[in-house]
Amino acid sequence: MIAIAGASPSRAAGMLAAYGDINNDGLVDIAALTSSTTITISLGNPDGSYTVTAILSLPKNRQITSMGLSDRDGDGDLDLYASSSAGGGWVYTYMWSGNGDGTFGTMTSGKWAWPPKGHFGSF
């Protein structure tokens, strides 16, 4: 299982995309940023076309700054992850667990400091 992510600008104003076999059929699928808060999942078809199977969204005030595909939960299926700035050195993280068929489970989220507060002394 291979996943390739596109560039992640500090503010995702242009196209962000990640490529991988989301539904385990041997074809390349695409997770593409289609608005500042929306990721559209499109599965590859044998004829080279794509079919949209999911549209995943963040709250309107959370602009996606990076995204990618990887097996984050170790079940063998690609999961989608994204992040957005929370200001003041904090980052929101989001993950949707892949079901292996082109669909995803409910979003989970977290908030992290970067660099980690207290990890390199007090900040």
PDB file of N, CA and C in Angstrom:
ATOM      1  N   MET A   1       0.850  -1.164   0.000  1.00  0.00           N
ATOM      2  CA  MET A   1       0.000   0.000   0.000  1.00  0.00           C
ATOM      3  C   MET A   1       0.900   1.231   0.000  1.00  0.00           C
ATOM      4  N   ILE A   2       0.763   2.048  -1.025  1.00  0.00           N
ATOM      5  CA  ILE A   2       1.567   3.254  -1.144  1.00  0.00           C
ATOM      6  C   ILE A   2       0.638   4.454  -1.217  1.00  0.00           C
ATOM      7  N   ALA A   3       1.004   5.506  -0.537  1.00  0.00           N
ATOM      8  CA  ALA A   3       0.253   6.762  -0.610  1.00  0.00           C
ATOM      9  C   ALA A   3       1.252   7.872  -0.874  1.00  0.00           C
ATOM     10  N   ILE A   4       0.894   8.773  -1.765  1.00  0.00           N
ATOM     11  CA  ILE A   4       1.751   9.900  -2.100  1.00  0.00           C
ATOM     12  C   ILE A   4       0.962  11.170  -1.852  1.00  0.00           C
ATOM     13  N   ALA A   5       1.550  12.103  -1.116  1.00  0.00           N
ATOM     14  CA  ALA A   5       0.875  13.370  -0.827  1.00  0.00           C
ATOM     15  C   ALA A   5       1.489  14.474  -1.671  1.00  0.00           C
ATOM     16  N   GLY A   6       0.658  15.409  -2.085  1.00  0.00           N
ATOM     17  CA  GLY A   6       1.142  16.584  -2.794  1.00  0.00           C
ATOM     18  C   GLY A   6       1.743  17.569  -1.807  1.00  0.00           C
ATOM     19  N   ALA A   7       2.268  18.649  -2.324  1.00  0.00           N
ATOM     20  CA  ALA A   7       2.874  19.679  -1.466  1.00  0.00           C
ATOM     21  C   ALA A   7       1.843  20.248  -0.513  1.00  0.00           C
ATOM     22  N   SER A   8       2.308  20.674   0.648  1.00  0.00           N
ATOM     23  CA  SER A   8       1.407  21.278   1.630  1.00  0.00           C
ATOM     24  C   SER A   8       1.878  22.693   1.945  1.00  0.00           C
ATOM     25  N   PRO A   9       1.313  23.696   1.271  1.00  0.00           N
ATOM     26  CA  PRO A   9       1.714  25.073   1.526  1.00  0.00           C
ATOM     27  C   PRO A   9       1.276  25.520   2.913  1.00  0.00           C
ATOM     28  N   SER A  10       1.869  26.595   3.406  1.00  0.00           N
ATOM     29  CA  SER A  10       1.503  27.071   4.735  1.00  0.00           C
ATOM     30  C   SER A  10       0.037  27.482   4.797  1.00  0.00           C
ATOM     31  N   ARG A  11      -0.498  27.968   3.713  1.00  0.00           N
ATOM     32  CA  ARG A  11      -1.941  28.246   3.597  1.00  0.00           C
ATOM     33  C   ARG A  11      -2.403  27.602   2.311  1.00  0.00           C
ATOM     34  N   ALA A  12      -3.268  26.621   2.397  1.00  0.00           N
ATOM     35  CA  ALA A  12      -3.665  25.847   1.228  1.00  0.00           C
ATOM     36  C   ALA A  12      -4.609  26.657   0.345  1.00  0.00           C
ATOM     37  N   ALA A  13      -4.051  27.494  -0.495  1.00  0.00           N
ATOM     38  CA  ALA A  13      -4.860  28.298  -1.402  1.00  0.00           C
ATOM     39  C   ALA A  13      -5.065  27.580  -2.719  1.00  0.00           C
ATOM     40  N   GLY A  14      -4.122  26.734  -3.106  1.00  0.00           N
ATOM     41  CA  GLY A  14      -4.215  26.010  -4.357  1.00  0.00           C
ATOM     42  C   GLY A  14      -4.569  24.555  -4.112  1.00  0.00           C
ATOM     43  N   MET A  15      -4.285  23.731  -5.098  1.00  0.00           N
ATOM     44  CA  MET A  15      -4.622  22.317  -5.046  1.00  0.00           C
ATOM     45  C   MET A  15      -3.698  21.566  -4.098  1.00  0.00           C
ATOM     46  N   LEU A  16      -4.270  20.809  -3.237  1.00  0.00           N
ATOM     47  CA  LEU A  16      -3.566  19.844  -2.402  1.00  0.00           C
ATOM     48  C   LEU A  16      -4.172  18.494  -2.748  1.00  0.00           C
ATOM     49  N   ALA A  17      -3.363  17.478  -2.923  1.00  0.00           N
ATOM     50  CA  ALA A  17      -3.897  16.165  -3.243  1.00  0.00           C
ATOM     51  C   ALA A  17      -3.004  15.085  -2.659  1.00  0.00           C
ATOM     52  N   ALA A  18      -3.613  13.955  -2.364  1.00  0.00           N
ATOM     53  CA  ALA A  18      -2.896  12.766  -1.928  1.00  0.00           C
ATOM     54  C   ALA A  18      -3.410  11.606  -2.767  1.00  0.00           C
ATOM     55  N   TYR A  19      -2.508  10.714  -3.143  1.00  0.00           N
ATOM     56  CA  TYR A  19      -2.841   9.603  -4.019  1.00  0.00           C
ATOM     57  C   TYR A  19      -2.532   8.285  -3.333  1.00  0.00           C
ATOM     58  N   GLY A  20      -3.402   7.314  -3.495  1.00  0.00           N
ATOM     59  CA  GLY A  20      -3.189   5.991  -2.924  1.00  0.00           C
ATOM     60  C   GLY A  20      -4.332   5.078  -3.297  1.00  0.00           C
ATOM     61  N   ASP A  21      -4.235   3.820  -2.929  1.00  0.00           N
ATOM     62  CA  ASP A  21      -5.295   2.843  -3.218  1.00  0.00           C
ATOM     63  C   ASP A  21      -6.252   2.797  -2.029  1.00  0.00           C
ATOM     64  N   ILE A  22      -7.204   3.691  -2.016  1.00  0.00           N
ATOM     65  CA  ILE A  22      -8.116   3.854  -0.878  1.00  0.00           C
ATOM     66  C   ILE A  22      -9.062   2.664  -0.729  1.00  0.00           C
ATOM     67  N   ASN A  23      -9.478   2.052  -1.840  1.00  0.00           N
ATOM     68  CA  ASN A  23     -10.440   0.947  -1.755  1.00  0.00           C
ATOM     69  C   ASN A  23      -9.829  -0.417  -2.072  1.00  0.00           C
ATOM     70  N   ASN A  24      -8.496  -0.507  -2.069  1.00  0.00           N
ATOM     71  CA  ASN A  24      -7.787  -1.787  -2.196  1.00  0.00           C
ATOM     72  C   ASN A  24      -8.126  -2.568  -3.472  1.00  0.00           C
ATOM     73  N   ASP A  25      -8.307  -1.853  -4.602  1.00  0.00           N
ATOM     74  CA  ASP A  25      -8.608  -2.537  -5.863  1.00  0.00           C
ATOM     75  C   ASP A  25      -7.439  -2.496  -6.842  1.00  0.00           C
ATOM     76  N   GLY A  26      -6.291  -1.958  -6.399  1.00  0.00           N
ATOM     77  CA  GLY A  26      -5.121  -1.894  -7.252  1.00  0.00           C
ATOM     78  C   GLY A  26      -5.061  -0.668  -8.151  1.00  0.00           C
ATOM     79  N   LEU A  27      -6.039   0.219  -8.078  1.00  0.00           N
ATOM     80  CA  LEU A  27      -6.069   1.443  -8.878  1.00  0.00           C
ATOM     81  C   LEU A  27      -5.748   2.645  -7.998  1.00  0.00           C
ATOM     82  N   VAL A  28      -5.169   3.678  -8.605  1.00  0.00           N
ATOM     83  CA  VAL A  28      -4.826   4.889  -7.860  1.00  0.00           C
ATOM     84  C   VAL A  28      -6.075   5.728  -7.648  1.00  0.00           C
ATOM     85  N   ASP A  29      -6.315   6.098  -6.394  1.00  0.00           N
ATOM     86  CA  ASP A  29      -7.433   6.950  -6.008  1.00  0.00           C
ATOM     87  C   ASP A  29      -6.886   8.294  -5.557  1.00  0.00           C
ATOM     88  N   ILE A  30      -7.765   9.303  -5.480  1.00  0.00           N
ATOM     89  CA  ILE A  30      -7.332  10.659  -5.160  1.00  0.00           C
ATOM     90  C   ILE A  30      -8.146  11.225  -3.999  1.00  0.00           C
ATOM     91  N   ALA A  31      -7.452  11.851  -3.058  1.00  0.00           N
ATOM     92  CA  ALA A  31      -8.068  12.696  -2.033  1.00  0.00           C
ATOM     93  C   ALA A  31      -7.603  14.108  -2.366  1.00  0.00           C
ATOM     94  N   ALA A  32      -8.521  14.985  -2.762  1.00  0.00           N
ATOM     95  CA  ALA A  32      -8.134  16.321  -3.219  1.00  0.00           C
ATOM     96  C   ALA A  32      -8.834  17.398  -2.413  1.00  0.00           C
ATOM     97  N   LEU A  33      -8.085  18.435  -2.077  1.00  0.00           N
ATOM     98  CA  LEU A  33      -8.653  19.603  -1.422  1.00  0.00           C
ATOM     99  C   LEU A  33      -9.469  20.358  -2.466  1.00  0.00           C
ATOM    100  N   THR A  34     -10.773  20.453  -2.268  1.00  0.00           N
ATOM    101  CA  THR A  34     -11.642  21.107  -3.250  1.00  0.00           C
ATOM    102  C   THR A  34     -12.190  22.436  -2.754  1.00  0.00           C
ATOM    103  N   SER A  35     -11.956  22.760  -1.506  1.00  0.00           N
ATOM    104  CA  SER A  35     -12.183  24.102  -0.950  1.00  0.00           C
ATOM    105  C   SER A  35     -11.280  24.183   0.276  1.00  0.00           C
ATOM    106  N   SER A  36     -11.226  25.323   0.921  1.00  0.00           N
ATOM    107  CA  SER A  36     -10.316  25.469   2.054  1.00  0.00           C
ATOM    108  C   SER A  36     -10.685  24.564   3.230  1.00  0.00           C
ATOM    109  N   THR A  37     -11.915  24.032   3.250  1.00  0.00           N
ATOM    110  CA  THR A  37     -12.356  23.177   4.349  1.00  0.00           C
ATOM    111  C   THR A  37     -12.930  21.834   3.884  1.00  0.00           C
ATOM    112  N   THR A  38     -12.753  21.492   2.605  1.00  0.00           N
ATOM    113  CA  THR A  38     -13.376  20.284   2.060  1.00  0.00           C
ATOM    114  C   THR A  38     -12.372  19.424   1.294  1.00  0.00           C
ATOM    115  N   ILE A  39     -12.423  18.124   1.550  1.00  0.00           N
ATOM    116  CA  ILE A  39     -11.611  17.146   0.830  1.00  0.00           C
ATOM    117  C   ILE A  39     -12.571  16.204   0.111  1.00  0.00           C
ATOM    118  N   THR A  40     -12.353  16.026  -1.200  1.00  0.00           N
ATOM    119  CA  THR A  40     -13.192  15.146  -2.007  1.00  0.00           C
ATOM    120  C   THR A  40     -12.406  13.882  -2.334  1.00  0.00           C
ATOM    121  N   ILE A  41     -13.028  12.734  -2.085  1.00  0.00           N
ATOM    122  CA  ILE A  41     -12.432  11.435  -2.367  1.00  0.00           C
ATOM    123  C   ILE A  41     -12.981  10.937  -3.699  1.00  0.00           C
ATOM    124  N   SER A  42     -12.078  10.596  -4.620  1.00  0.00           N
ATOM    125  CA  SER A  42     -12.461  10.068  -5.934  1.00  0.00           C
ATOM    126  C   SER A  42     -11.721   8.764  -6.173  1.00  0.00           C
ATOM    127  N   LEU A  43     -12.476   7.711  -6.477  1.00  0.00           N
ATOM    128  CA  LEU A  43     -11.887   6.400  -6.716  1.00  0.00           C
ATOM    129  C   LEU A  43     -11.613   6.200  -8.195  1.00  0.00           C
ATOM    130  N   GLY A  44     -10.460   5.604  -8.500  1.00  0.00           N
ATOM    131  CA  GLY A  44     -10.080   5.322  -9.871  1.00  0.00           C
ATOM    132  C   GLY A  44     -10.907   4.184 -10.451  1.00  0.00           C
ATOM    133  N   ASN A  45     -11.288   4.336 -11.719  1.00  0.00           N
ATOM    134  CA  ASN A  45     -12.000   3.300 -12.455  1.00  0.00           C
ATOM    135  C   ASN A  45     -11.043   2.660 -13.461  1.00  0.00           C
ATOM    136  N   PRO A  46     -11.302   1.411 -13.881  1.00  0.00           N
ATOM    137  CA  PRO A  46     -10.422   0.742 -14.838  1.00  0.00           C
ATOM    138  C   PRO A  46     -10.234   1.503 -16.156  1.00  0.00           C
ATOM    139  N   ASP A  47     -11.191   2.326 -16.546  1.00  0.00           N
ATOM    140  CA  ASP A  47     -11.082   3.065 -17.812  1.00  0.00           C
ATOM    141  C   ASP A  47     -10.309   4.373 -17.670  1.00  0.00           C
ATOM    142  N   GLY A  48      -9.769   4.660 -16.464  1.00  0.00           N
ATOM    143  CA  GLY A  48      -8.988   5.871 -16.241  1.00  0.00           C
ATOM    144  C   GLY A  48      -9.792   7.046 -15.710  1.00  0.00           C
ATOM    145  N   SER A  49     -11.109   6.901 -15.619  1.00  0.00           N
ATOM    146  CA  SER A  49     -11.944   7.964 -15.052  1.00  0.00           C
ATOM    147  C   SER A  49     -11.996   7.808 -13.529  1.00  0.00           C
ATOM    148  N   TYR A  50     -12.654   8.744 -12.874  1.00  0.00           N
ATOM    149  CA  TYR A  50     -12.772   8.726 -11.412  1.00  0.00           C
ATOM    150  C   TYR A  50     -14.222   8.933 -11.000  1.00  0.00           C
ATOM    151  N   THR A  51     -14.596   8.339  -9.865  1.00  0.00           N
ATOM    152  CA  THR A  51     -15.934   8.484  -9.305  1.00  0.00           C
ATOM    153  C   THR A  51     -15.821   9.028  -7.889  1.00  0.00           C
ATOM    154  N   VAL A  52     -16.516  10.129  -7.598  1.00  0.00           N
ATOM    155  CA  VAL A  52     -16.521  10.707  -6.246  1.00  0.00           C
ATOM    156  C   VAL A  52     -17.309   9.783  -5.325  1.00  0.00           C
ATOM    157  N   THR A  53     -16.696   9.412  -4.189  1.00  0.00           N
ATOM    158  CA  THR A  53     -17.367   8.532  -3.232  1.00  0.00           C
ATOM    159  C   THR A  53     -17.572   9.171  -1.866  1.00  0.00           C
ATOM    160  N   ALA A  54     -16.845  10.249  -1.583  1.00  0.00           N
ATOM    161  CA  ALA A  54     -16.989  10.884  -0.267  1.00  0.00           C
ATOM    162  C   ALA A  54     -16.551  12.338  -0.349  1.00  0.00           C
ATOM    163  N   ILE A  55     -17.210  13.169   0.434  1.00  0.00           N
ATOM    164  CA  ILE A  55     -16.816  14.563   0.616  1.00  0.00           C
ATOM    165  C   ILE A  55     -16.717  14.784   2.116  1.00  0.00           C
ATOM    166  N   LEU A  56     -15.511  15.098   2.585  1.00  0.00           N
ATOM    167  CA  LEU A  56     -15.234  15.253   4.010  1.00  0.00           C
ATOM    168  C   LEU A  56     -14.972  16.724   4.300  1.00  0.00           C
ATOM    169  N   SER A  57     -15.559  17.237   5.373  1.00  0.00           N
ATOM    170  CA  SER A  57     -15.446  18.668   5.661  1.00  0.00           C
ATOM    171  C   SER A  57     -15.004  18.942   7.084  1.00  0.00           C
ATOM    172  N   LEU A  58     -14.357  20.090   7.233  1.00  0.00           N
ATOM    173  CA  LEU A  58     -13.991  20.632   8.543  1.00  0.00           C
ATOM    174  C   LEU A  58     -14.911  21.800   8.850  1.00  0.00           C
ATOM    175  N   PRO A  59     -14.929  22.249  10.102  1.00  0.00           N
ATOM    176  CA  PRO A  59     -15.696  23.462  10.417  1.00  0.00           C
ATOM    177  C   PRO A  59     -15.236  24.622   9.527  1.00  0.00           C
ATOM    178  N   LYS A  60     -16.127  25.515   9.188  1.00  0.00           N
ATOM    179  CA  LYS A  60     -15.857  26.608   8.242  1.00  0.00           C
ATOM    180  C   LYS A  60     -14.686  27.501   8.639  1.00  0.00           C
ATOM    181  N   ASN A  61     -14.371  27.617   9.909  1.00  0.00           N
ATOM    182  CA  ASN A  61     -13.281  28.488  10.348  1.00  0.00           C
ATOM    183  C   ASN A  61     -11.939  27.763  10.456  1.00  0.00           C
ATOM    184  N   ARG A  62     -11.826  26.537   9.945  1.00  0.00           N
ATOM    185  CA  ARG A  62     -10.599  25.739  10.042  1.00  0.00           C
ATOM    186  C   ARG A  62     -10.053  25.436   8.653  1.00  0.00           C
ATOM    187  N   GLN A  63      -9.207  26.281   8.120  1.00  0.00           N
ATOM    188  CA  GLN A  63      -8.640  26.103   6.794  1.00  0.00           C
ATOM    189  C   GLN A  63      -7.584  25.006   6.803  1.00  0.00           C
ATOM    190  N   ILE A  64      -7.724  24.028   5.907  1.00  0.00           N
ATOM    191  CA  ILE A  64      -6.784  22.915   5.806  1.00  0.00           C
ATOM    192  C   ILE A  64      -5.443  23.427   5.286  1.00  0.00           C
ATOM    193  N   THR A  65      -4.366  23.095   6.004  1.00  0.00           N
ATOM    194  CA  THR A  65      -3.029  23.501   5.581  1.00  0.00           C
ATOM    195  C   THR A  65      -2.175  22.323   5.135  1.00  0.00           C
ATOM    196  N   SER A  66      -2.554  21.111   5.494  1.00  0.00           N
ATOM    197  CA  SER A  66      -1.861  19.919   5.011  1.00  0.00           C
ATOM    198  C   SER A  66      -2.810  18.735   5.095  1.00  0.00           C
ATOM    199  N   MET A  67      -2.535  17.715   4.290  1.00  0.00           N
ATOM    200  CA  MET A  67      -3.353  16.504   4.295  1.00  0.00           C
ATOM    201  C   MET A  67      -2.539  15.362   3.711  1.00  0.00           C
ATOM    202  N   GLY A  68      -2.978  14.142   3.955  1.00  0.00           N
ATOM    203  CA  GLY A  68      -2.295  12.991   3.399  1.00  0.00           C
ATOM    204  C   GLY A  68      -3.065  11.709   3.642  1.00  0.00           C
ATOM    205  N   LEU A  69      -2.551  10.633   3.087  1.00  0.00           N
ATOM    206  CA  LEU A  69      -3.116   9.304   3.260  1.00  0.00           C
ATOM    207  C   LEU A  69      -2.042   8.385   3.826  1.00  0.00           C
ATOM    208  N   SER A  70      -2.377   7.631   4.840  1.00  0.00           N
ATOM    209  CA  SER A  70      -1.502   6.581   5.359  1.00  0.00           C
ATOM    210  C   SER A  70      -2.338   5.692   6.267  1.00  0.00           C
ATOM    211  N   ASP A  71      -1.818   4.525   6.576  1.00  0.00           N
ATOM    212  CA  ASP A  71      -2.521   3.619   7.483  1.00  0.00           C
ATOM    213  C   ASP A  71      -2.171   3.997   8.907  1.00  0.00           C
ATOM    214  N   ARG A  72      -2.854   4.978   9.445  1.00  0.00           N
ATOM    215  CA  ARG A  72      -2.556   5.498  10.788  1.00  0.00           C
ATOM    216  C   ARG A  72      -2.975   4.559  11.911  1.00  0.00           C
ATOM    217  N   ASP A  73      -4.025   3.754  11.685  1.00  0.00           N
ATOM    218  CA  ASP A  73      -4.520   2.902  12.769  1.00  0.00           C
ATOM    219  C   ASP A  73      -4.094   1.438  12.634  1.00  0.00           C
ATOM    220  N   GLY A  74      -3.266   1.120  11.624  1.00  0.00           N
ATOM    221  CA  GLY A  74      -2.687  -0.213  11.506  1.00  0.00           C
ATOM    222  C   GLY A  74      -3.615  -1.319  11.064  1.00  0.00           C
ATOM    223  N   ASP A  75      -4.760  -0.995  10.442  1.00  0.00           N
ATOM    224  CA  ASP A  75      -5.701  -2.031  10.023  1.00  0.00           C
ATOM    225  C   ASP A  75      -5.523  -2.459   8.569  1.00  0.00           C
ATOM    226  N   GLY A  76      -4.536  -1.897   7.864  1.00  0.00           N
ATOM    227  CA  GLY A  76      -4.296  -2.256   6.476  1.00  0.00           C
ATOM    228  C   GLY A  76      -5.011  -1.383   5.468  1.00  0.00           C
ATOM    229  N   ASP A  77      -5.857  -0.465   5.906  1.00  0.00           N
ATOM    230  CA  ASP A  77      -6.585   0.444   5.021  1.00  0.00           C
ATOM    231  C   ASP A  77      -6.039   1.858   5.176  1.00  0.00           C
ATOM    232  N   LEU A  78      -5.997   2.605   4.054  1.00  0.00           N
ATOM    233  CA  LEU A  78      -5.522   3.981   4.123  1.00  0.00           C
ATOM    234  C   LEU A  78      -6.507   4.864   4.871  1.00  0.00           C
ATOM    235  N   ASP A  79      -5.983   5.686   5.758  1.00  0.00           N
ATOM    236  CA  ASP A  79      -6.762   6.667   6.505  1.00  0.00           C
ATOM    237  C   ASP A  79      -6.404   8.046   5.962  1.00  0.00           C
ATOM    238  N   LEU A  80      -7.318   8.984   6.076  1.00  0.00           N
ATOM    239  CA  LEU A  80      -7.079  10.353   5.633  1.00  0.00           C
ATOM    240  C   LEU A  80      -6.822  11.219   6.853  1.00  0.00           C
ATOM    241  N   TYR A  81      -5.775  12.042   6.772  1.00  0.00           N
ATOM    242  CA  TYR A  81      -5.508  12.967   7.863  1.00  0.00           C
ATOM    243  C   TYR A  81      -5.308  14.359   7.288  1.00  0.00           C
ATOM    244  N   ALA A  82      -5.608  15.351   8.092  1.00  0.00           N
ATOM    245  CA  ALA A  82      -5.454  16.752   7.691  1.00  0.00           C
ATOM    246  C   ALA A  82      -5.112  17.566   8.932  1.00  0.00           C
ATOM    247  N   SER A  83      -4.610  18.772   8.700  1.00  0.00           N
ATOM    248  CA  SER A  83      -4.341  19.680   9.808  1.00  0.00           C
ATOM    249  C   SER A  83      -4.696  21.094   9.407  1.00  0.00           C
ATOM    250  N   SER A  84      -4.882  21.931  10.416  1.00  0.00           N
ATOM    251  CA  SER A  84      -5.147  23.352  10.209  1.00  0.00           C
ATOM    252  C   SER A  84      -4.549  24.121  11.382  1.00  0.00           C
ATOM    253  N   SER A  85      -4.197  25.355  11.120  1.00  0.00           N
ATOM    254  CA  SER A  85      -3.595  26.187  12.151  1.00  0.00           C
ATOM    255  C   SER A  85      -4.638  26.568  13.194  1.00  0.00           C
ATOM    256  N   ALA A  86      -4.220  26.545  14.446  1.00  0.00           N
ATOM    257  CA  ALA A  86      -5.090  26.973  15.540  1.00  0.00           C
ATOM    258  C   ALA A  86      -4.595  28.290  16.119  1.00  0.00           C
ATOM    259  N   GLY A  87      -3.494  28.823  15.574  1.00  0.00           N
ATOM    260  CA  GLY A  87      -2.935  30.083  16.060  1.00  0.00           C
ATOM    261  C   GLY A  87      -2.053  29.883  17.283  1.00  0.00           C
ATOM    262  N   GLY A  88      -1.130  30.787  17.486  1.00  0.00           N
ATOM    263  CA  GLY A  88      -0.273  30.762  18.668  1.00  0.00           C
ATOM    264  C   GLY A  88       0.587  29.527  18.778  1.00  0.00           C
ATOM    265  N   GLY A  89       0.968  28.919  17.655  1.00  0.00           N
ATOM    266  CA  GLY A  89       1.790  27.721  17.690  1.00  0.00           C
ATOM    267  C   GLY A  89       1.010  26.430  17.865  1.00  0.00           C
ATOM    268  N   TRP A  90      -0.307  26.503  17.872  1.00  0.00           N
ATOM    269  CA  TRP A  90      -1.150  25.312  18.021  1.00  0.00           C
ATOM    270  C   TRP A  90      -1.652  24.863  16.658  1.00  0.00           C
ATOM    271  N   VAL A  91      -1.853  23.550  16.527  1.00  0.00           N
ATOM    272  CA  VAL A  91      -2.332  22.950  15.285  1.00  0.00           C
ATOM    273  C   VAL A  91      -3.483  22.005  15.613  1.00  0.00           C
ATOM    274  N   TYR A  92      -4.565  22.104  14.815  1.00  0.00           N
ATOM    275  CA  TYR A  92      -5.646  21.121  14.907  1.00  0.00           C
ATOM    276  C   TYR A  92      -5.303  19.975  13.973  1.00  0.00           C
ATOM    277  N   THR A  93      -5.534  18.734  14.412  1.00  0.00           N
ATOM    278  CA  THR A  93      -5.344  17.567  13.569  1.00  0.00           C
ATOM    279  C   THR A  93      -6.670  16.822  13.445  1.00  0.00           C
ATOM    280  N   TYR A  94      -6.871  16.216  12.295  1.00  0.00           N
ATOM    281  CA  TYR A  94      -8.118  15.506  12.000  1.00  0.00           C
ATOM    282  C   TYR A  94      -7.772  14.184  11.337  1.00  0.00           C
ATOM    283  N   MET A  95      -8.547  13.139  11.620  1.00  0.00           N
ATOM    284  CA  MET A  95      -8.350  11.857  10.960  1.00  0.00           C
ATOM    285  C   MET A  95      -9.691  11.189  10.712  1.00  0.00           C
ATOM    286  N   TRP A  96      -9.802  10.622   9.520  1.00  0.00           N
ATOM    287  CA  TRP A  96     -10.939   9.805   9.153  1.00  0.00           C
ATOM    288  C   TRP A  96     -10.386   8.412   8.873  1.00  0.00           C
ATOM    289  N   SER A  97     -10.825   7.393   9.605  1.00  0.00           N
ATOM    290  CA  SER A  97     -10.353   6.025   9.393  1.00  0.00           C
ATOM    291  C   SER A  97     -10.972   5.471   8.118  1.00  0.00           C
ATOM    292  N   GLY A  98     -10.114   4.925   7.246  1.00  0.00           N
ATOM    293  CA  GLY A  98     -10.594   4.318   6.009  1.00  0.00           C
ATOM    294  C   GLY A  98     -11.232   2.970   6.272  1.00  0.00           C
ATOM    295  N   ASN A  99     -12.317   2.688   5.566  1.00  0.00           N
ATOM    296  CA  ASN A  99     -13.003   1.403   5.691  1.00  0.00           C
ATOM    297  C   ASN A  99     -12.520   0.385   4.670  1.00  0.00           C
ATOM    298  N   GLY A 100     -11.616   0.793   3.754  1.00  0.00           N
ATOM    299  CA  GLY A 100     -11.087  -0.110   2.751  1.00  0.00           C
ATOM    300  C   GLY A 100     -11.950  -0.256   1.514  1.00  0.00           C
ATOM    301  N   ASP A 101     -13.071   0.481   1.469  1.00  0.00           N
ATOM    302  CA  ASP A 101     -13.981   0.389   0.323  1.00  0.00           C
ATOM    303  C   ASP A 101     -14.251   1.751  -0.317  1.00  0.00           C
ATOM    304  N   GLY A 102     -13.464   2.755   0.046  1.00  0.00           N
ATOM    305  CA  GLY A 102     -13.665   4.102  -0.495  1.00  0.00           C
ATOM    306  C   GLY A 102     -14.467   5.009   0.415  1.00  0.00           C
ATOM    307  N   THR A 103     -14.925   4.476   1.533  1.00  0.00           N
ATOM    308  CA  THR A 103     -15.651   5.289   2.510  1.00  0.00           C
ATOM    309  C   THR A 103     -14.786   5.443   3.759  1.00  0.00           C
ATOM    310  N   PHE A 104     -15.185   6.382   4.608  1.00  0.00           N
ATOM    311  CA  PHE A 104     -14.418   6.686   5.813  1.00  0.00           C
ATOM    312  C   PHE A 104     -15.343   6.767   7.009  1.00  0.00           C
ATOM    313  N   GLY A 105     -14.785   6.478   8.178  1.00  0.00           N
ATOM    314  CA  GLY A 105     -15.521   6.588   9.425  1.00  0.00           C
ATOM    315  C   GLY A 105     -15.642   8.038   9.876  1.00  0.00           C
ATOM    316  N   THR A 106     -16.182   8.232  11.042  1.00  0.00           N
ATOM    317  CA  THR A 106     -16.371   9.554  11.629  1.00  0.00           C
ATOM    318  C   THR A 106     -15.031  10.213  11.922  1.00  0.00           C
ATOM    319  N   MET A 107     -14.968  11.512  11.716  1.00  0.00           N
ATOM    320  CA  MET A 107     -13.754  12.274  11.966  1.00  0.00           C
ATOM    321  C   MET A 107     -13.429  12.309  13.456  1.00  0.00           C
ATOM    322  N   THR A 108     -12.139  12.139  13.769  1.00  0.00           N
ATOM    323  CA  THR A 108     -11.646  12.387  15.113  1.00  0.00           C
ATOM    324  C   THR A 108     -10.699  13.587  15.014  1.00  0.00           C
ATOM    325  N   SER A 109     -10.556  14.325  16.095  1.00  0.00           N
ATOM    326  CA  SER A 109      -9.703  15.514  16.030  1.00  0.00           C
ATOM    327  C   SER A 109      -8.930  15.690  17.329  1.00  0.00           C
ATOM    328  N   GLY A 110      -7.905  16.518  17.240  1.00  0.00           N
ATOM    329  CA  GLY A 110      -7.091  16.844  18.398  1.00  0.00           C
ATOM    330  C   GLY A 110      -6.470  18.212  18.207  1.00  0.00           C
ATOM    331  N   LYS A 111      -5.827  18.714  19.227  1.00  0.00           N
ATOM    332  CA  LYS A 111      -5.157  20.006  19.168  1.00  0.00           C
ATOM    333  C   LYS A 111      -3.784  19.838  19.797  1.00  0.00           C
ATOM    334  N   TRP A 112      -2.743  20.254  19.067  1.00  0.00           N
ATOM    335  CA  TRP A 112      -1.376  20.046  19.501  1.00  0.00           C
ATOM    336  C   TRP A 112      -0.591  21.344  19.406  1.00  0.00           C
ATOM    337  N   ALA A 113       0.372  21.497  20.286  1.00  0.00           N
ATOM    338  CA  ALA A 113       1.279  22.641  20.224  1.00  0.00           C
ATOM    339  C   ALA A 113       2.475  22.254  19.370  1.00  0.00           C
ATOM    340  N   TRP A 114       2.971  23.210  18.575  1.00  0.00           N
ATOM    341  CA  TRP A 114       4.189  22.958  17.814  1.00  0.00           C
ATOM    342  C   TRP A 114       5.094  24.159  17.884  1.00  0.00           C
ATOM    343  N   PRO A 115       6.307  24.032  18.373  1.00  0.00           N
ATOM    344  CA  PRO A 115       6.845  22.800  18.940  1.00  0.00           C
ATOM    345  C   PRO A 115       6.125  22.459  20.240  1.00  0.00           C
ATOM    346  N   PRO A 116       6.203  21.183  20.640  1.00  0.00           N
ATOM    347  CA  PRO A 116       5.491  20.772  21.860  1.00  0.00           C
ATOM    348  C   PRO A 116       5.856  21.642  23.057  1.00  0.00           C
ATOM    349  N   LYS A 117       4.869  22.149  23.734  1.00  0.00           N
ATOM    350  CA  LYS A 117       5.092  22.984  24.916  1.00  0.00           C
ATOM    351  C   LYS A 117       5.765  22.166  26.006  1.00  0.00           C
ATOM    352  N   GLY A 118       6.858  22.694  26.551  1.00  0.00           N
ATOM    353  CA  GLY A 118       7.561  22.028  27.631  1.00  0.00           C
ATOM    354  C   GLY A 118       8.525  20.947  27.175  1.00  0.00           C
ATOM    355  N   HIS A 119       8.474  20.569  25.896  1.00  0.00           N
ATOM    356  CA  HIS A 119       9.331  19.499  25.404  1.00  0.00           C
ATOM    357  C   HIS A 119      10.791  19.951  25.306  1.00  0.00           C
ATOM    358  N   PHE A 120      11.029  21.196  24.927  1.00  0.00           N
ATOM    359  CA  PHE A 120      12.381  21.721  24.806  1.00  0.00           C
ATOM    360  C   PHE A 120      12.605  22.838  25.818  1.00  0.00           C
ATOM    361  N   GLY A 121      12.038  22.689  26.969  1.00  0.00           N
ATOM    362  CA  GLY A 121      12.103  23.747  27.976  1.00  0.00           C
ATOM    363  C   GLY A 121      10.780  24.498  27.987  1.00  0.00           C
ATOM    364  N   SER A 122      10.711  25.576  28.702  1.00  0.00           N
ATOM    365  CA  SER A 122       9.440  26.301  28.780  1.00  0.00           C
ATOM    366  C   SER A 122       9.355  27.306  27.638  1.00  0.00           C
ATOM    367  N   PHE A 123       8.159  27.432  27.098  1.00  0.00           N
ATOM    368  CA  PHE A 123       7.892  28.367  26.004  1.00  0.00           C
ATOM    369  C   PHE A 123       6.839  29.348  26.448  1.00  0.00           C
TER     370      PHE A 123
END
